[in-house]
C-alpha atoms as a PDB file:
ATOM      1  CA  MET A   1    -144.647 106.551 105.367  1.00  0.00           C
ATOM      2  CA  THR A   2    -144.567 108.232 101.979  1.00  0.00           C
ATOM      3  CA  HIS A   3    -143.949 106.406  98.725  1.00  0.00           C
ATOM      4  CA  ARG A   4    -140.456 107.926  98.454  1.00  0.00           C
ATOM      5  CA  GLN A   5    -139.585 106.917 102.028  1.00  0.00           C
ATOM      6  CA  GLY A   6    -140.691 103.381 101.175  1.00  0.00           C
ATOM      7  CA  GLN A   7    -138.440 103.371  98.121  1.00  0.00           C
ATOM      8  CA  VAL A   8    -135.448 104.423 100.207  1.00  0.00           C
ATOM      9  CA  LEU A   9    -136.231 101.808 102.868  1.00  0.00           C
ATOM     10  CA  ASP A  10    -136.500  99.129 100.164  1.00  0.00           C
ATOM     11  CA  PHE A  11    -133.119 100.232  98.824  1.00  0.00           C
ATOM     12  CA  LEU A  12    -131.548 100.057 102.291  1.00  0.00           C
ATOM     13  CA  ILE A  13    -132.799  96.497 102.765  1.00  0.00           C
ATOM     14  CA  ALA A  14    -131.704  95.437  99.259  1.00  0.00           C
ATOM     15  CA  HIS A  15    -128.268  97.026  99.670  1.00  0.00           C
ATOM     16  CA  TRP A  16    -127.715  95.163 102.938  1.00  0.00           C
ATOM     17  CA  GLY A  17    -128.669  91.927 101.179  1.00  0.00           C
ATOM     18  CA  ARG A  18    -126.311  92.530  98.249  1.00  0.00           C
ATOM     19  CA  VAL A  19    -123.327  94.124  99.954  1.00  0.00           C
ATOM     20  CA  GLY A  20    -123.688  93.054 103.582  1.00  0.00           C
ATOM     21  CA  ALA A  21    -123.114  96.612 104.817  1.00  0.00           C
ATOM     22  CA  PRO A  22    -125.106  99.844 105.022  1.00  0.00           C
ATOM     23  CA  PRO A  23    -125.047 102.180 102.020  1.00  0.00           C
ATOM     24  CA  THR A  24    -123.522 105.640 102.075  1.00  0.00           C
ATOM     25  CA  ILE A  25    -125.643 108.742 101.581  1.00  0.00           C
ATOM     26  CA  ARG A  26    -124.121 108.998  98.097  1.00  0.00           C
ATOM     27  CA  ASP A  27    -125.120 105.364  97.352  1.00  0.00           C
ATOM     28  CA  ILE A  28    -128.713 106.267  98.233  1.00  0.00           C
ATOM     29  CA  CYS A  29    -128.609 109.399  96.049  1.00  0.00           C
ATOM     30  CA  ASN A  30    -127.217 107.463  93.098  1.00  0.00           C
ATOM     31  CA  ALA A  31    -129.876 104.757  93.435  1.00  0.00           C
ATOM     32  CA  MET A  32    -132.694 107.325  93.634  1.00  0.00           C
ATOM     33  CA  GLY A  33    -131.294 109.545  90.865  1.00  0.00           C
ATOM     34  CA  TRP A  34    -130.704 112.537  93.165  1.00  0.00           C
ATOM     35  CA  LYS A  35    -127.818 114.967  92.753  1.00  0.00           C
ATOM     36  CA  SER A  36    -128.065 116.533  96.219  1.00  0.00           C
ATOM     37  CA  THR A  37    -127.466 114.611  99.427  1.00  0.00           C
ATOM     38  CA  ASN A  38    -130.026 116.785 101.260  1.00  0.00           C
ATOM     39  CA  ALA A  39    -132.961 114.747  99.962  1.00  0.00           C
ATOM     40  CA  ALA A  40    -131.460 111.482 101.224  1.00  0.00           C
ATOM     41  CA  THR A  41    -130.494 113.024 104.554  1.00  0.00           C
ATOM     42  CA  ASN A  42    -134.014 114.388 105.096  1.00  0.00           C
ATOM     43  CA  ILE A  43    -135.658 111.060 104.262  1.00  0.00           C
ATOM     44  CA  LEU A  44    -133.255 109.176 106.547  1.00  0.00           C
ATOM     45  CA  LEU A  45    -134.075 111.573 109.382  1.00  0.00           C
ATOM     46  CA  LYS A  46    -137.800 110.969 108.810  1.00  0.00           C
ATOM     47  CA  LEU A  47    -137.335 107.158 108.677  1.00  0.00           C
ATOM     48  CA  GLU A  48    -135.335 107.368 111.884  1.00  0.00           C
ATOM     49  CA  GLY A  49    -138.058 109.446 113.522  1.00  0.00           C
ATOM     50  CA  LEU A  50    -140.657 106.860 112.467  1.00  0.00           C
ATOM     51  CA  GLY A  51    -138.521 104.111 114.017  1.00  0.00           C
ATOM     52  CA  PHE A  52    -137.686 102.208 110.817  1.00  0.00           C
ATOM     53  CA  ILE A  53    -133.941 102.812 110.953  1.00  0.00           C
ATOM     54  CA  GLU A  54    -131.248 103.664 113.469  1.00  0.00           C
ATOM     55  CA  ARG A  55    -128.188 105.733 112.707  1.00  0.00           C
ATOM     56  CA  ARG A  56    -125.451 104.455 114.969  1.00  0.00           C
ATOM     57  CA  GLY A  57    -122.025 105.876 115.640  1.00  0.00           C
ATOM     58  CA  SER A  58    -122.923 109.571 115.773  1.00  0.00           C
ATOM     59  CA  ARG A  59    -124.082 109.769 112.149  1.00  0.00           C
ATOM     60  CA  ARG A  60    -120.818 108.387 110.830  1.00  0.00           C
ATOM     61  CA  TYR A  61    -120.117 106.909 107.431  1.00  0.00           C
ATOM     62  CA  ARG A  62    -122.267 103.812 106.768  1.00  0.00           C
ATOM     63  CA  SER A  63    -124.124 104.088 110.055  1.00  0.00           C
ATOM     64  CA  ILE A  64    -127.642 103.223 108.786  1.00  0.00           C
ATOM     65  CA  PHE A  65    -129.327 100.124 110.217  1.00  0.00           C
ATOM     66  CA  VAL A  66    -132.869  98.922 109.433  1.00  0.00           C
ATOM     67  CA  VAL A  67    -134.531  98.005 112.723  1.00  0.00           C
ATOM     68  CA  ARG A  68    -138.113  97.346 111.644  1.00  0.00           C
ATOM     69  CA  PRO A  69    -139.412  96.024 108.337  1.00  0.00           C
ATOM     70  CA  LYS A  70    -141.571  98.225 106.143  1.00  0.00           C
ATOM     71  CA  GLY A  71    -145.276  98.097 106.949  1.00  0.00           C
ATOM     72  CA  CYS A  72    -144.887  97.533 110.679  1.00  0.00           C
ATOM     73  CA  CYS A  73    -146.540 100.126 112.886  1.00  0.00           C
ATOM     74  CA  PRO A  74    -144.332 101.321 115.775  1.00  0.00           C
ATOM     75  CA  ALA A  75    -147.223 101.458 118.252  1.00  0.00           C
ATOM     76  CA  CYS A  76    -149.088  98.231 117.613  1.00  0.00           C
ATOM     77  CA  GLY A  77    -147.325  96.236 114.906  1.00  0.00           C
ATOM     78  CA  HIS A  78    -150.150  96.628 112.371  1.00  0.00           C
ATOM     79  CA  ALA A  79    -149.515  97.559 108.774  1.00  0.00           C
ATOM     80  CA  LEU A  80    -149.146 101.228 107.951  1.00  0.00           C
ATOM     81  CA  GLY A  81    -150.767 102.804 104.933  1.00  0.00           C
ATOM     82  CA  VAL A  82    -148.415 104.250 102.336  1.00  0.00           C
ATOM     83  CA  LYS A  83    -149.210 107.755 101.129  1.00  0.00           C
ATOM     84  CA  PRO A  84    -149.006 108.265  97.353  1.00  0.00           C
END
């Protein structure tokens, strides 16, 4: 997991805690200071591929769910290193 991916995952968890619902792509962009939604979409795809999130409902609005906390390795459950 890269540093930026970790920041987005932290935001997803915090947003759920504050709002009680998943953020939109635009919410993520605003929080990260991005103008384009492509950056958020690409990071979400990577986090999904790593098994940290699921996107339910055929990629619909607010379909992002955190399924594994940051630092948990998908294969063995050990902590993952974060790339700078």
